[in-house]
């Protein structure tokens, strides 16, 4: 349930687009509303933040794109 809630919050997708692996979207949404109203979700997120570390943080250089004019062009000497 919590992973389903976090998936929707992270992606910004509508509740109806929640993947079935997280359970029925209506059940996850109902529990999200109840937990939010009761303050349970806030307490859970605070506890998760206490033990946060950067062990899963990484930078992937394969996502950096080069301008189209800089890729695969023929190398010529400039005219002087």
PDB file of N, CA and C in Angstrom:
ATOM      1  N   UNK A   1       0.821  -1.189   0.000  1.00  0.00           N
ATOM      2  CA  UNK A   1       0.000   0.000   0.000  1.00  0.00           C
ATOM      3  C   UNK A   1       0.868   1.257   0.000  1.00  0.00           C
ATOM      4  N   UNK A   2       1.847   1.286   0.890  1.00  0.00           N
ATOM      5  CA  UNK A   2       2.700   2.478   0.985  1.00  0.00           C
ATOM      6  C   UNK A   2       3.471   2.695  -0.307  1.00  0.00           C
ATOM      7  N   UNK A   3       3.999   1.631  -0.900  1.00  0.00           N
ATOM      8  CA  UNK A   3       4.722   1.776  -2.167  1.00  0.00           C
ATOM      9  C   UNK A   3       3.806   2.305  -3.265  1.00  0.00           C
ATOM     10  N   UNK A   4       2.558   1.873  -3.271  1.00  0.00           N
ATOM     11  CA  UNK A   4       1.599   2.384  -4.245  1.00  0.00           C
ATOM     12  C   UNK A   4       1.349   3.866  -4.051  1.00  0.00           C
ATOM     13  N   UNK A   5       1.213   4.280  -2.796  1.00  0.00           N
ATOM     14  CA  UNK A   5       1.014   5.707  -2.504  1.00  0.00           C
ATOM     15  C   UNK A   5       2.217   6.519  -2.968  1.00  0.00           C
ATOM     16  N   UNK A   6       3.399   6.023  -2.644  1.00  0.00           N
ATOM     17  CA  UNK A   6       4.615   6.737  -3.034  1.00  0.00           C
ATOM     18  C   UNK A   6       4.775   6.788  -4.544  1.00  0.00           C
ATOM     19  N   UNK A   7       4.366   5.713  -5.242  1.00  0.00           N
ATOM     20  CA  UNK A   7       4.461   5.693  -6.704  1.00  0.00           C
ATOM     21  C   UNK A   7       3.607   6.804  -7.298  1.00  0.00           C
ATOM     22  N   UNK A   8       2.379   6.939  -6.823  1.00  0.00           N
ATOM     23  CA  UNK A   8       1.486   7.976  -7.350  1.00  0.00           C
ATOM     24  C   UNK A   8       2.030   9.364  -7.021  1.00  0.00           C
ATOM     25  N   UNK A   9       2.518   9.550  -5.801  1.00  0.00           N
ATOM     26  CA  UNK A   9       3.052  10.858  -5.419  1.00  0.00           C
ATOM     27  C   UNK A   9       4.299  11.206  -6.226  1.00  0.00           C
ATOM     28  N   UNK A  10       5.151  10.213  -6.480  1.00  0.00           N
ATOM     29  CA  UNK A  10       6.401  10.463  -7.218  1.00  0.00           C
ATOM     30  C   UNK A  10       6.141  10.740  -8.689  1.00  0.00           C
ATOM     31  N   UNK A  11       5.239   9.979  -9.308  1.00  0.00           N
ATOM     32  CA  UNK A  11       5.015  10.112 -10.745  1.00  0.00           C
ATOM     33  C   UNK A  11       4.010  11.196 -11.103  1.00  0.00           C
ATOM     34  N   UNK A  12       3.107  11.506 -10.177  1.00  0.00           N
ATOM     35  CA  UNK A  12       2.066  12.480 -10.476  1.00  0.00           C
ATOM     36  C   UNK A  12       0.954  11.889 -11.336  1.00  0.00           C
ATOM     37  N   UNK A  13       0.945  10.577 -11.480  1.00  0.00           N
ATOM     38  CA  UNK A  13      -0.072   9.897 -12.295  1.00  0.00           C
ATOM     39  C   UNK A  13      -1.410   9.868 -11.552  1.00  0.00           C
ATOM     40  N   UNK A  14      -2.498   9.755 -12.293  1.00  0.00           N
ATOM     41  CA  UNK A  14      -3.801   9.593 -11.634  1.00  0.00           C
ATOM     42  C   UNK A  14      -3.858   8.255 -10.892  1.00  0.00           C
ATOM     43  N   UNK A  15      -4.685   8.204  -9.866  1.00  0.00           N
ATOM     44  CA  UNK A  15      -4.807   6.982  -9.076  1.00  0.00           C
ATOM     45  C   UNK A  15      -5.212   5.791  -9.939  1.00  0.00           C
ATOM     46  N   UNK A  16      -6.040   6.010 -10.929  1.00  0.00           N
ATOM     47  CA  UNK A  16      -6.508   4.914 -11.784  1.00  0.00           C
ATOM     48  C   UNK A  16      -5.377   4.288 -12.597  1.00  0.00           C
ATOM     49  N   UNK A  17      -4.250   4.990 -12.757  1.00  0.00           N
ATOM     50  CA  UNK A  17      -3.110   4.466 -13.514  1.00  0.00           C
ATOM     51  C   UNK A  17      -2.115   3.700 -12.634  1.00  0.00           C
ATOM     52  N   UNK A  18      -2.454   3.509 -11.370  1.00  0.00           N
ATOM     53  CA  UNK A  18      -1.579   2.776 -10.458  1.00  0.00           C
ATOM     54  C   UNK A  18      -1.388   1.343 -10.966  1.00  0.00           C
ATOM     55  N   UNK A  19      -0.139   0.879 -11.130  1.00  0.00           N
ATOM     56  CA  UNK A  19       0.086  -0.496 -11.585  1.00  0.00           C
ATOM     57  C   UNK A  19      -0.550  -1.512 -10.630  1.00  0.00           C
ATOM     58  N   UNK A  20      -1.052  -2.589 -11.182  1.00  0.00           N
ATOM     59  CA  UNK A  20      -1.768  -3.584 -10.385  1.00  0.00           C
ATOM     60  C   UNK A  20      -0.881  -4.275  -9.353  1.00  0.00           C
ATOM     61  N   UNK A  21       0.426  -4.203  -9.516  1.00  0.00           N
ATOM     62  CA  UNK A  21       1.331  -4.822  -8.552  1.00  0.00           C
ATOM     63  C   UNK A  21       1.166  -4.204  -7.158  1.00  0.00           C
ATOM     64  N   UNK A  22       0.669  -2.975  -7.077  1.00  0.00           N
ATOM     65  CA  UNK A  22       0.464  -2.301  -5.800  1.00  0.00           C
ATOM     66  C   UNK A  22      -0.918  -2.557  -5.214  1.00  0.00           C
ATOM     67  N   UNK A  23      -1.742  -3.303  -5.906  1.00  0.00           N
ATOM     68  CA  UNK A  23      -3.090  -3.584  -5.424  1.00  0.00           C
ATOM     69  C   UNK A  23      -4.109  -2.734  -6.154  1.00  0.00           C
ATOM     70  N   UNK A  24      -5.377  -2.931  -5.817  1.00  0.00           N
ATOM     71  CA  UNK A  24      -6.430  -2.143  -6.469  1.00  0.00           C
ATOM     72  C   UNK A  24      -6.250  -0.648  -6.167  1.00  0.00           C
ATOM     73  N   UNK A  25      -6.325   0.175  -7.188  1.00  0.00           N
ATOM     74  CA  UNK A  25      -6.071   1.606  -7.007  1.00  0.00           C
ATOM     75  C   UNK A  25      -7.049   2.220  -6.016  1.00  0.00           C
ATOM     76  N   UNK A  26      -8.285   1.758  -6.034  1.00  0.00           N
ATOM     77  CA  UNK A  26      -9.301   2.334  -5.143  1.00  0.00           C
ATOM     78  C   UNK A  26      -8.955   2.056  -3.674  1.00  0.00           C
ATOM     79  N   UNK A  27      -8.450   0.857  -3.383  1.00  0.00           N
ATOM     80  CA  UNK A  27      -8.051   0.516  -2.014  1.00  0.00           C
ATOM     81  C   UNK A  27      -6.873   1.371  -1.553  1.00  0.00           C
ATOM     82  N   UNK A  28      -5.886   1.534  -2.436  1.00  0.00           N
ATOM     83  CA  UNK A  28      -4.710   2.343  -2.090  1.00  0.00           C
ATOM     84  C   UNK A  28      -5.123   3.796  -1.885  1.00  0.00           C
ATOM     85  N   UNK A  29      -5.996   4.304  -2.738  1.00  0.00           N
ATOM     86  CA  UNK A  29      -6.449   5.687  -2.629  1.00  0.00           C
ATOM     87  C   UNK A  29      -7.239   5.914  -1.345  1.00  0.00           C
ATOM     88  N   UNK A  30      -8.123   4.970  -1.018  1.00  0.00           N
ATOM     89  CA  UNK A  30      -8.918   5.097   0.211  1.00  0.00           C
ATOM     90  C   UNK A  30      -8.019   5.111   1.436  1.00  0.00           C
ATOM     91  N   UNK A  31      -7.047   4.205   1.480  1.00  0.00           N
ATOM     92  CA  UNK A  31      -6.139   4.184   2.625  1.00  0.00           C
ATOM     93  C   UNK A  31      -5.291   5.445   2.674  1.00  0.00           C
ATOM     94  N   UNK A  32      -4.872   5.953   1.510  1.00  0.00           N
ATOM     95  CA  UNK A  32      -4.115   7.207   1.456  1.00  0.00           C
ATOM     96  C   UNK A  32      -4.923   8.344   2.080  1.00  0.00           C
ATOM     97  N   UNK A  33      -6.203   8.439   1.713  1.00  0.00           N
ATOM     98  CA  UNK A  33      -7.054   9.495   2.269  1.00  0.00           C
ATOM     99  C   UNK A  33      -7.217   9.350   3.777  1.00  0.00           C
ATOM    100  N   UNK A  34      -7.433   8.130   4.249  1.00  0.00           N
ATOM    101  CA  UNK A  34      -7.589   7.889   5.690  1.00  0.00           C
ATOM    102  C   UNK A  34      -6.316   8.210   6.453  1.00  0.00           C
ATOM    103  N   UNK A  35      -5.179   7.721   5.932  1.00  0.00           N
ATOM    104  CA  UNK A  35      -3.897   7.972   6.596  1.00  0.00           C
ATOM    105  C   UNK A  35      -3.555   9.455   6.594  1.00  0.00           C
ATOM    106  N   UNK A  36      -3.859  10.130   5.507  1.00  0.00           N
ATOM    107  CA  UNK A  36      -3.573  11.568   5.440  1.00  0.00           C
ATOM    108  C   UNK A  36      -4.388  12.334   6.469  1.00  0.00           C
ATOM    109  N   UNK A  37      -5.655  12.008   6.549  1.00  0.00           N
ATOM    110  CA  UNK A  37      -6.556  12.705   7.479  1.00  0.00           C
ATOM    111  C   UNK A  37      -6.178  12.438   8.937  1.00  0.00           C
ATOM    112  N   UNK A  38      -5.752  11.212   9.237  1.00  0.00           N
ATOM    113  CA  UNK A  38      -5.410  10.837  10.611  1.00  0.00           C
ATOM    114  C   UNK A  38      -3.985  11.213  10.999  1.00  0.00           C
ATOM    115  N   UNK A  39      -3.170  11.662  10.033  1.00  0.00           N
ATOM    116  CA  UNK A  39      -1.786  12.030  10.322  1.00  0.00           C
ATOM    117  C   UNK A  39      -0.822  10.852  10.302  1.00  0.00           C
ATOM    118  N   UNK A  40      -1.322   9.672   9.973  1.00  0.00           N
ATOM    119  CA  UNK A  40      -0.478   8.475   9.944  1.00  0.00           C
ATOM    120  C   UNK A  40       0.577   8.592   8.843  1.00  0.00           C
ATOM    121  N   UNK A  41       0.171   9.054   7.681  1.00  0.00           N
ATOM    122  CA  UNK A  41       1.110   9.168   6.559  1.00  0.00           C
ATOM    123  C   UNK A  41       2.260  10.117   6.893  1.00  0.00           C
ATOM    124  N   UNK A  42       1.952  11.214   7.556  1.00  0.00           N
ATOM    125  CA  UNK A  42       2.991  12.171   7.951  1.00  0.00           C
ATOM    126  C   UNK A  42       4.000  11.515   8.900  1.00  0.00           C
ATOM    127  N   UNK A  43       3.521  10.735   9.853  1.00  0.00           N
ATOM    128  CA  UNK A  43       4.412  10.056  10.799  1.00  0.00           C
ATOM    129  C   UNK A  43       5.275   9.014  10.093  1.00  0.00           C
ATOM    130  N   UNK A  44       4.692   8.279   9.166  1.00  0.00           N
ATOM    131  CA  UNK A  44       5.449   7.269   8.415  1.00  0.00           C
ATOM    132  C   UNK A  44       6.552   7.943   7.605  1.00  0.00           C
ATOM    133  N   UNK A  45       6.220   9.025   6.908  1.00  0.00           N
ATOM    134  CA  UNK A  45       7.216   9.721   6.095  1.00  0.00           C
ATOM    135  C   UNK A  45       8.318  10.334   6.956  1.00  0.00           C
ATOM    136  N   UNK A  46       7.957  10.825   8.128  1.00  0.00           N
ATOM    137  CA  UNK A  46       8.974  11.367   9.041  1.00  0.00           C
ATOM    138  C   UNK A  46       9.930  10.277   9.498  1.00  0.00           C
ATOM    139  N   UNK A  47       9.403   9.090   9.815  1.00  0.00           N
ATOM    140  CA  UNK A  47      10.262   7.981  10.234  1.00  0.00           C
ATOM    141  C   UNK A  47      11.161   7.508   9.097  1.00  0.00           C
ATOM    142  N   UNK A  48      10.646   7.505   7.893  1.00  0.00           N
ATOM    143  CA  UNK A  48      11.475   7.121   6.747  1.00  0.00           C
ATOM    144  C   UNK A  48      12.591   8.138   6.516  1.00  0.00           C
ATOM    145  N   UNK A  49      12.310   9.395   6.768  1.00  0.00           N
ATOM    146  CA  UNK A  49      13.304  10.447   6.556  1.00  0.00           C
ATOM    147  C   UNK A  49      14.412  10.416   7.609  1.00  0.00           C
ATOM    148  N   UNK A  50      14.128   9.891   8.794  1.00  0.00           N
ATOM    149  CA  UNK A  50      15.126   9.834   9.869  1.00  0.00           C
ATOM    150  C   UNK A  50      16.316   8.989   9.446  1.00  0.00           C
ATOM    151  N   UNK A  51      16.058   7.889   8.781  1.00  0.00           N
ATOM    152  CA  UNK A  51      17.121   6.965   8.409  1.00  0.00           C
ATOM    153  C   UNK A  51      17.542   7.137   6.953  1.00  0.00           C
ATOM    154  N   UNK A  52      17.376   8.327   6.422  1.00  0.00           N
ATOM    155  CA  UNK A  52      17.741   8.511   5.014  1.00  0.00           C
ATOM    156  C   UNK A  52      19.260   8.574   4.865  1.00  0.00           C
ATOM    157  N   UNK A  53      19.743   7.956   3.844  1.00  0.00           N
ATOM    158  CA  UNK A  53      21.156   8.031   3.493  1.00  0.00           C
ATOM    159  C   UNK A  53      21.247   8.116   1.978  1.00  0.00           C
ATOM    160  N   UNK A  54      22.435   8.298   1.486  1.00  0.00           N
ATOM    161  CA  UNK A  54      22.623   8.501   0.056  1.00  0.00           C
ATOM    162  C   UNK A  54      23.166   7.261  -0.640  1.00  0.00           C
ATOM    163  N   UNK A  55      22.927   6.079  -0.084  1.00  0.00           N
ATOM    164  CA  UNK A  55      23.502   4.879  -0.686  1.00  0.00           C
ATOM    165  C   UNK A  55      22.898   4.547  -2.041  1.00  0.00           C
ATOM    166  N   UNK A  56      21.701   5.065  -2.333  1.00  0.00           N
ATOM    167  CA  UNK A  56      21.078   4.786  -3.614  1.00  0.00           C
ATOM    168  C   UNK A  56      21.218   5.939  -4.594  1.00  0.00           C
ATOM    169  N   UNK A  57      21.920   6.982  -4.219  1.00  0.00           N
ATOM    170  CA  UNK A  57      22.088   8.136  -5.087  1.00  0.00           C
ATOM    171  C   UNK A  57      23.237   7.894  -6.051  1.00  0.00           C
ATOM    172  N   UNK A  58      22.965   8.108  -7.327  1.00  0.00           N
ATOM    173  CA  UNK A  58      24.025   7.992  -8.314  1.00  0.00           C
ATOM    174  C   UNK A  58      23.696   8.884  -9.500  1.00  0.00           C
ATOM    175  N   UNK A  59      24.710   9.224 -10.244  1.00  0.00           N
ATOM    176  CA  UNK A  59      24.531  10.020 -11.450  1.00  0.00           C
ATOM    177  C   UNK A  59      24.868   9.134 -12.633  1.00  0.00           C
ATOM    178  N   UNK A  60      23.981   9.079 -13.589  1.00  0.00           N
ATOM    179  CA  UNK A  60      24.178   8.248 -14.767  1.00  0.00           C
ATOM    180  C   UNK A  60      24.460   9.152 -15.952  1.00  0.00           C
ATOM    181  N   UNK A  61      25.674   9.143 -16.445  1.00  0.00           N
ATOM    182  CA  UNK A  61      26.083   9.996 -17.551  1.00  0.00           C
ATOM    183  C   UNK A  61      25.464   9.618 -18.886  1.00  0.00           C
ATOM    184  N   UNK A  62      24.852   8.455 -18.965  1.00  0.00           N
ATOM    185  CA  UNK A  62      24.258   8.053 -20.243  1.00  0.00           C
ATOM    186  C   UNK A  62      23.023   8.871 -20.580  1.00  0.00           C
ATOM    187  N   UNK A  63      22.516   9.640 -19.638  1.00  0.00           N
ATOM    188  CA  UNK A  63      21.346  10.462 -19.897  1.00  0.00           C
ATOM    189  C   UNK A  63      21.705  11.841 -20.445  1.00  0.00           C
ATOM    190  N   UNK A  64      22.987  12.164 -20.471  1.00  0.00           N
ATOM    191  CA  UNK A  64      23.424  13.462 -20.966  1.00  0.00           C
ATOM    192  C   UNK A  64      23.441  13.414 -22.484  1.00  0.00           C
ATOM    193  N   UNK A  65      22.763  14.349 -23.101  1.00  0.00           N
ATOM    194  CA  UNK A  65      22.682  14.351 -24.565  1.00  0.00           C
ATOM    195  C   UNK A  65      23.550  15.457 -25.139  1.00  0.00           C
ATOM    196  N   UNK A  66      24.101  15.181 -26.296  1.00  0.00           N
ATOM    197  CA  UNK A  66      24.945  16.141 -26.999  1.00  0.00           C
ATOM    198  C   UNK A  66      24.101  16.814 -28.069  1.00  0.00           C
ATOM    199  N   UNK A  67      24.392  18.052 -28.336  1.00  0.00           N
ATOM    200  CA  UNK A  67      23.656  18.774 -29.375  1.00  0.00           C
ATOM    201  C   UNK A  67      23.806  18.057 -30.704  1.00  0.00           C
ATOM    202  N   UNK A  68      22.764  18.049 -31.513  1.00  0.00           N
ATOM    203  CA  UNK A  68      22.769  17.304 -32.771  1.00  0.00           C
ATOM    204  C   UNK A  68      23.893  17.723 -33.710  1.00  0.00           C
ATOM    205  N   UNK A  69      24.339  18.973 -33.658  1.00  0.00           N
ATOM    206  CA  UNK A  69      25.420  19.428 -34.533  1.00  0.00           C
ATOM    207  C   UNK A  69      26.788  18.924 -34.083  1.00  0.00           C
ATOM    208  N   UNK A  70      26.883  18.406 -32.874  1.00  0.00           N
ATOM    209  CA  UNK A  70      28.165  17.958 -32.345  1.00  0.00           C
ATOM    210  C   UNK A  70      28.375  16.454 -32.502  1.00  0.00           C
ATOM    211  N   UNK A  71      27.409  15.749 -33.058  1.00  0.00           N
ATOM    212  CA  UNK A  71      27.482  14.297 -33.120  1.00  0.00           C
ATOM    213  C   UNK A  71      27.785  13.826 -34.538  1.00  0.00           C
ATOM    214  N   UNK A  72      28.823  13.040 -34.697  1.00  0.00           N
ATOM    215  CA  UNK A  72      29.094  12.336 -35.943  1.00  0.00           C
ATOM    216  C   UNK A  72      29.439  13.198 -37.134  1.00  0.00           C
ATOM    217  N   UNK A  73      29.760  14.428 -36.906  1.00  0.00           N
ATOM    218  CA  UNK A  73      30.107  15.291 -38.039  1.00  0.00           C
ATOM    219  C   UNK A  73      31.485  14.986 -38.588  1.00  0.00           C
ATOM    220  N   UNK A  74      31.706  15.305 -39.865  1.00  0.00           N
ATOM    221  CA  UNK A  74      32.983  15.086 -40.488  1.00  0.00           C
ATOM    222  C   UNK A  74      33.972  16.131 -39.942  1.00  0.00           C
ATOM    223  N   UNK A  75      35.145  15.650 -39.544  1.00  0.00           N
ATOM    224  CA  UNK A  75      36.155  16.538 -38.975  1.00  0.00           C
ATOM    225  C   UNK A  75      36.958  17.176 -40.104  1.00  0.00           C
ATOM    226  N   UNK A  76      36.875  18.487 -40.225  1.00  0.00           N
ATOM    227  CA  UNK A  76      37.639  19.207 -41.231  1.00  0.00           C
ATOM    228  C   UNK A  76      38.372  20.346 -40.562  1.00  0.00           C
ATOM    229  N   UNK A  77      39.456  20.768 -41.185  1.00  0.00           N
ATOM    230  CA  UNK A  77      40.200  21.893 -40.661  1.00  0.00           C
ATOM    231  C   UNK A  77      39.533  23.183 -41.102  1.00  0.00           C
ATOM    232  N   UNK A  78      39.464  24.158 -40.203  1.00  0.00           N
ATOM    233  CA  UNK A  78      38.857  25.431 -40.592  1.00  0.00           C
ATOM    234  C   UNK A  78      39.692  26.141 -41.664  1.00  0.00           C
ATOM    235  N   UNK A  79      39.027  26.855 -42.548  1.00  0.00           N
ATOM    236  CA  UNK A  79      39.733  27.618 -43.587  1.00  0.00           C
ATOM    237  C   UNK A  79      40.379  28.847 -42.950  1.00  0.00           C
ATOM    238  N   UNK A  80      41.649  29.044 -43.260  1.00  0.00           N
ATOM    239  CA  UNK A  80      42.369  30.170 -42.653  1.00  0.00           C
ATOM    240  C   UNK A  80      42.408  31.368 -43.543  1.00  0.00           C
TER     241      UNK A  80
END
